[in-house]
Structures are given as C-alpha cells and as structure tokens.
Amino acid sequence: MNSEAFQSIILPWVGKVGGVMTAMRAVQTAHKHIPPDAITCAAKLFNLSIAEVRGIVSFYDDFTNAAQGDIRVRVCQAEACQAVGSRELSRHAEQAMGLSFGETSADGQFSLEKVFCLGLCAAAPAMLINDVPHSRFDADRFDALLDKAIAK
C-alpha cells in the first residue's frame, strides 16, 4: 500500500490532542488492521520515531497488526466476568463461531478475541461485537447477537 493512502487518513489528525490514537483508529477502521507502512507514515507526519508509534499501537489491545474479520467479537476474561460464567460462555463462543481465541475465519467474516476488562463489571459477563458493548449475556443471547451482526 502506498503512503498517500495512509496520509489521507492520518493527516486530518496531525496537530490535534490525541491525534496519533485517533489516526491509528481511522487506519484500522479503513484497513481492518494497522499495516507497518501506516506506522511509518504516522511517525513521519507526527514527527515521532517509528518506535514511539509502534509502542502506542502495541500497548492498546484495541489495535491489531493482523487483519480482523468483518464481525469482531471480543469476550471479557476479567475476574468479574469469570465469576458469572464468562469461561463457559467463551467456550460457547469458540464452538458457535468455529474459532479459537485470536483467530480470524478463513473467509474474513469473523474474528474472536479475548479482552481483559470492558468496564462493565456490574453487568457481567460482557463482550463487544464490532465495538458495541453487550452485557449480562448467556449462550442463547450470544447466538442471537451474533445472528443479528451477521444479518446486518
């Protein structure tokens, strides 16, 4: 991918508070991941080292270097969610999606990921489907939410 494609995504955020984070989110939205060339481009435009931008991208779990599926499911694994059954729900999610955590389906439709706290502890168990939070779910509700995401 050429740097002009990344420049058009990143440039509007240069000089703004939180600009690097917002620019990387925009790149990930457009490309389903953050390619190495986008990191190099961002470093140049924000006058940072490649290591600084790579450090930001690698620090936050929301960012990924590998392409994600069209439907990205992240299931909370934190203690509050575990206390109310997220381990069993995680196994159900793997079975229902035919994936292990950290995998993306061969057709690029689904990704399944672990996340360690969504801040929804009082409404556990919690998960995100394409960045939309869902809480107090069970296996049946998981299936219904996944079906709804597929239908969109």
C-alpha atoms as a PDB file:
ATOM      1  CA  MET A   1       0.000   0.000   0.000  1.00  0.00           C
ATOM      2  CA  ASN A   2       1.335   3.429  -0.836  1.00  0.00           C
ATOM      3  CA  SER A   3       1.893   6.121   1.756  1.00  0.00           C
ATOM      4  CA  GLU A   4      -0.543   8.542   0.060  1.00  0.00           C
ATOM      5  CA  ALA A   5      -3.445   6.289   1.049  1.00  0.00           C
ATOM      6  CA  PHE A   6      -2.328   6.431   4.677  1.00  0.00           C
ATOM      7  CA  GLN A   7      -1.560  10.163   4.527  1.00  0.00           C
ATOM      8  CA  SER A   8      -5.147  10.957   3.572  1.00  0.00           C
ATOM      9  CA  ILE A   9      -6.362   9.052   6.640  1.00  0.00           C
ATOM     10  CA  ILE A  10      -3.729  10.296   9.102  1.00  0.00           C
ATOM     11  CA  LEU A  11      -3.197  13.925   8.048  1.00  0.00           C
ATOM     12  CA  PRO A  12      -6.501  15.305   9.418  1.00  0.00           C
ATOM     13  CA  TRP A  13      -5.395  14.287  12.938  1.00  0.00           C
ATOM     14  CA  VAL A  14      -1.911  15.823  12.906  1.00  0.00           C
ATOM     15  CA  GLY A  15      -1.554  18.578  15.496  1.00  0.00           C
ATOM     16  CA  LYS A  16      -4.656  17.564  17.424  1.00  0.00           C
ATOM     17  CA  VAL A  17      -4.741  16.337  21.010  1.00  0.00           C
ATOM     18  CA  GLY A  18      -4.886  12.544  20.882  1.00  0.00           C
ATOM     19  CA  GLY A  19      -4.179  12.717  17.171  1.00  0.00           C
ATOM     20  CA  VAL A  20      -1.963   9.638  16.946  1.00  0.00           C
ATOM     21  CA  MET A  21      -4.554   7.450  18.672  1.00  0.00           C
ATOM     22  CA  THR A  22      -7.389   8.799  16.546  1.00  0.00           C
ATOM     23  CA  ALA A  23      -5.374   8.452  13.360  1.00  0.00           C
ATOM     24  CA  MET A  24      -4.492   4.841  14.177  1.00  0.00           C
ATOM     25  CA  ARG A  25      -8.166   4.102  14.874  1.00  0.00           C
ATOM     26  CA  ALA A  26      -9.046   5.583  11.484  1.00  0.00           C
ATOM     27  CA  VAL A  27      -6.393   3.465   9.762  1.00  0.00           C
ATOM     28  CA  GLN A  28      -7.651   0.329  11.496  1.00  0.00           C
ATOM     29  CA  THR A  29     -11.246   1.103  10.551  1.00  0.00           C
ATOM     30  CA  ALA A  30     -10.264   1.540   6.913  1.00  0.00           C
ATOM     31  CA  HIS A  31      -7.937  -1.472   6.688  1.00  0.00           C
ATOM     32  CA  LYS A  32      -9.157  -3.821   9.475  1.00  0.00           C
ATOM     33  CA  HIS A  33      -5.667  -3.626  10.992  1.00  0.00           C
ATOM     34  CA  ILE A  34      -2.681  -1.294  11.181  1.00  0.00           C
ATOM     35  CA  PRO A  35      -0.160  -2.134   8.464  1.00  0.00           C
ATOM     36  CA  PRO A  36       3.546  -1.399   9.098  1.00  0.00           C
ATOM     37  CA  ASP A  37       3.545   1.287   6.384  1.00  0.00           C
ATOM     38  CA  ALA A  38       0.846   3.178   8.298  1.00  0.00           C
ATOM     39  CA  ILE A  39       3.074   3.232  11.376  1.00  0.00           C
ATOM     40  CA  THR A  40       5.956   4.630   9.310  1.00  0.00           C
ATOM     41  CA  CYS A  41       3.681   7.232   7.736  1.00  0.00           C
ATOM     42  CA  ALA A  42       2.252   8.291  11.112  1.00  0.00           C
ATOM     43  CA  ALA A  43       5.740   8.608  12.594  1.00  0.00           C
ATOM     44  CA  LYS A  44       6.750  10.933   9.773  1.00  0.00           C
ATOM     45  CA  LEU A  45       3.585  13.058   9.904  1.00  0.00           C
ATOM     46  CA  PHE A  46       3.538  13.359  13.721  1.00  0.00           C
ATOM     47  CA  ASN A  47       7.323  13.871  13.894  1.00  0.00           C
ATOM     48  CA  LEU A  48       7.737  10.814  16.133  1.00  0.00           C
ATOM     49  CA  SER A  49      10.004   7.811  15.892  1.00  0.00           C
ATOM     50  CA  ILE A  50       8.663   4.618  14.393  1.00  0.00           C
ATOM     51  CA  ALA A  51       9.280   3.005  17.795  1.00  0.00           C
ATOM     52  CA  GLU A  52       7.031   5.578  19.514  1.00  0.00           C
ATOM     53  CA  VAL A  53       4.124   4.943  17.158  1.00  0.00           C
ATOM     54  CA  ARG A  54       4.685   1.180  17.273  1.00  0.00           C
ATOM     55  CA  GLY A  55       4.693   1.445  21.091  1.00  0.00           C
ATOM     56  CA  ILE A  56       1.272   3.114  21.037  1.00  0.00           C
ATOM     57  CA  VAL A  57      -0.145   0.512  18.663  1.00  0.00           C
ATOM     58  CA  SER A  58       1.272  -2.425  20.617  1.00  0.00           C
ATOM     59  CA  PHE A  59       0.228  -1.076  24.022  1.00  0.00           C
ATOM     60  CA  TYR A  60      -3.514  -0.829  23.364  1.00  0.00           C
ATOM     61  CA  ASP A  61      -5.491  -4.050  22.868  1.00  0.00           C
ATOM     62  CA  ASP A  62      -7.889  -2.298  20.501  1.00  0.00           C
ATOM     63  CA  PHE A  63      -5.171  -2.069  17.878  1.00  0.00           C
ATOM     64  CA  THR A  64      -4.078  -5.056  15.841  1.00  0.00           C
ATOM     65  CA  ASN A  65      -1.366  -5.725  13.286  1.00  0.00           C
ATOM     66  CA  ALA A  66      -3.284  -8.632  11.748  1.00  0.00           C
ATOM     67  CA  ALA A  67      -6.369  -8.168   9.598  1.00  0.00           C
ATOM     68  CA  GLN A  68      -9.604  -8.680  11.529  1.00  0.00           C
ATOM     69  CA  GLY A  69     -12.884 -10.126  10.376  1.00  0.00           C
ATOM     70  CA  ASP A  70     -15.882  -8.075   9.375  1.00  0.00           C
ATOM     71  CA  ILE A  71     -17.519  -9.192  12.631  1.00  0.00           C
ATOM     72  CA  ARG A  72     -15.102  -8.743  15.536  1.00  0.00           C
ATOM     73  CA  VAL A  73     -16.227 -10.452  18.754  1.00  0.00           C
ATOM     74  CA  ARG A  74     -14.307  -9.709  21.964  1.00  0.00           C
ATOM     75  CA  VAL A  75     -15.303 -11.547  25.147  1.00  0.00           C
ATOM     76  CA  CYS A  76     -14.230 -10.201  28.534  1.00  0.00           C
ATOM     77  CA  GLN A  77     -11.998 -12.508  30.571  1.00  0.00           C
ATOM     78  CA  ALA A  78     -11.614 -10.331  33.686  1.00  0.00           C
ATOM     79  CA  GLU A  79     -12.392 -11.683  37.146  1.00  0.00           C
ATOM     80  CA  ALA A  80     -15.864 -10.127  37.467  1.00  0.00           C
ATOM     81  CA  CYS A  81     -16.962 -11.721  34.205  1.00  0.00           C
ATOM     82  CA  GLN A  82     -15.348 -15.046  35.131  1.00  0.00           C
ATOM     83  CA  ALA A  83     -17.282 -15.035  38.396  1.00  0.00           C
ATOM     84  CA  VAL A  84     -20.557 -15.130  36.477  1.00  0.00           C
ATOM     85  CA  GLY A  85     -19.660 -17.618  33.763  1.00  0.00           C
ATOM     86  CA  SER A  86     -17.521 -15.996  31.078  1.00  0.00           C
ATOM     87  CA  ARG A  87     -15.291 -19.090  30.838  1.00  0.00           C
ATOM     88  CA  GLU A  88     -18.246 -21.248  29.828  1.00  0.00           C
ATOM     89  CA  LEU A  89     -19.512 -18.505  27.522  1.00  0.00           C
ATOM     90  CA  SER A  90     -16.043 -18.241  25.983  1.00  0.00           C
ATOM     91  CA  ARG A  91     -16.113 -21.958  25.181  1.00  0.00           C
ATOM     92  CA  HIS A  92     -19.588 -21.489  23.702  1.00  0.00           C
ATOM     93  CA  ALA A  93     -18.345 -18.580  21.570  1.00  0.00           C
ATOM     94  CA  GLU A  94     -15.471 -20.688  20.227  1.00  0.00           C
ATOM     95  CA  GLN A  95     -17.855 -23.523  19.393  1.00  0.00           C
ATOM     96  CA  ALA A  96     -20.521 -21.272  17.852  1.00  0.00           C
ATOM     97  CA  MET A  97     -18.014 -19.406  15.707  1.00  0.00           C
ATOM     98  CA  GLY A  98     -15.781 -22.381  14.898  1.00  0.00           C
ATOM     99  CA  LEU A  99     -12.727 -20.368  16.003  1.00  0.00           C
ATOM    100  CA  SER A 100     -10.277 -20.304  18.855  1.00  0.00           C
ATOM    101  CA  PHE A 101      -9.497 -17.023  20.547  1.00  0.00           C
ATOM    102  CA  GLY A 102      -7.058 -14.988  18.494  1.00  0.00           C
ATOM    103  CA  GLU A 103      -8.237 -16.416  15.179  1.00  0.00           C
ATOM    104  CA  THR A 104      -9.936 -14.907  12.150  1.00  0.00           C
ATOM    105  CA  SER A 105     -12.042 -17.102   9.888  1.00  0.00           C
ATOM    106  CA  ALA A 106     -10.561 -18.027   6.508  1.00  0.00           C
ATOM    107  CA  ASP A 107     -13.287 -16.069   4.717  1.00  0.00           C
ATOM    108  CA  GLY A 108     -12.507 -12.941   6.746  1.00  0.00           C
ATOM    109  CA  GLN A 109     -16.016 -12.731   8.175  1.00  0.00           C
ATOM    110  CA  PHE A 110     -15.262 -13.332  11.893  1.00  0.00           C
ATOM    111  CA  SER A 111     -12.582 -12.641  14.491  1.00  0.00           C
ATOM    112  CA  LEU A 112     -12.728 -13.881  18.075  1.00  0.00           C
ATOM    113  CA  GLU A 113     -10.619 -12.201  20.738  1.00  0.00           C
ATOM    114  CA  LYS A 114     -10.151 -12.077  24.475  1.00  0.00           C
ATOM    115  CA  VAL A 115     -10.301  -8.729  26.227  1.00  0.00           C
ATOM    116  CA  PHE A 116      -9.397  -8.097  29.836  1.00  0.00           C
ATOM    117  CA  CYS A 117     -11.995  -5.680  31.199  1.00  0.00           C
ATOM    118  CA  LEU A 118     -14.552  -3.619  29.398  1.00  0.00           C
ATOM    119  CA  GLY A 119     -15.558  -1.645  32.475  1.00  0.00           C
ATOM    120  CA  LEU A 120     -18.946  -3.373  32.610  1.00  0.00           C
ATOM    121  CA  CYS A 121     -18.216  -5.384  35.744  1.00  0.00           C
ATOM    122  CA  ALA A 122     -21.564  -4.603  37.366  1.00  0.00           C
ATOM    123  CA  ALA A 123     -23.319  -6.048  34.317  1.00  0.00           C
ATOM    124  CA  ALA A 124     -21.052  -9.039  33.698  1.00  0.00           C
ATOM    125  CA  PRO A 125     -20.478 -11.071  31.653  1.00  0.00           C
ATOM    126  CA  ALA A 126     -19.626  -8.564  28.941  1.00  0.00           C
ATOM    127  CA  MET A 127     -18.479  -8.588  25.337  1.00  0.00           C
ATOM    128  CA  LEU A 128     -18.118  -6.342  22.316  1.00  0.00           C
ATOM    129  CA  ILE A 129     -19.396  -7.095  18.860  1.00  0.00           C
ATOM    130  CA  ASN A 130     -17.893  -4.613  16.415  1.00  0.00           C
ATOM    131  CA  ASP A 131     -17.177  -2.231  19.309  1.00  0.00           C
ATOM    132  CA  VAL A 132     -20.790  -2.302  20.554  1.00  0.00           C
ATOM    133  CA  PRO A 133     -20.907  -3.415  24.210  1.00  0.00           C
ATOM    134  CA  HIS A 134     -23.243  -6.172  25.360  1.00  0.00           C
ATOM    135  CA  SER A 135     -23.673  -7.327  28.932  1.00  0.00           C
ATOM    136  CA  ARG A 136     -25.473  -9.914  31.036  1.00  0.00           C
ATOM    137  CA  PHE A 137     -25.468 -12.353  28.158  1.00  0.00           C
ATOM    138  CA  ASP A 138     -25.760 -16.109  28.130  1.00  0.00           C
ATOM    139  CA  ALA A 139     -25.252 -18.653  25.348  1.00  0.00           C
ATOM    140  CA  ASP A 140     -28.682 -18.035  23.791  1.00  0.00           C
ATOM    141  CA  ARG A 141     -28.221 -14.254  23.825  1.00  0.00           C
ATOM    142  CA  PHE A 142     -24.724 -14.658  22.373  1.00  0.00           C
ATOM    143  CA  ASP A 143     -26.167 -16.669  19.480  1.00  0.00           C
ATOM    144  CA  ALA A 144     -28.928 -14.091  18.912  1.00  0.00           C
ATOM    145  CA  LEU A 145     -26.447 -11.181  18.954  1.00  0.00           C
ATOM    146  CA  LEU A 146     -24.116 -12.988  16.561  1.00  0.00           C
ATOM    147  CA  ASP A 147     -27.033 -13.747  14.223  1.00  0.00           C
ATOM    148  CA  LYS A 148     -28.049 -10.087  14.341  1.00  0.00           C
ATOM    149  CA  ALA A 149     -24.496  -8.985  13.493  1.00  0.00           C
ATOM    150  CA  ILE A 150     -24.392 -11.420  10.567  1.00  0.00           C
ATOM    151  CA  ALA A 151     -27.734 -10.145   9.255  1.00  0.00           C
ATOM    152  CA  LYS A 152     -26.504  -6.523   9.094  1.00  0.00           C
END
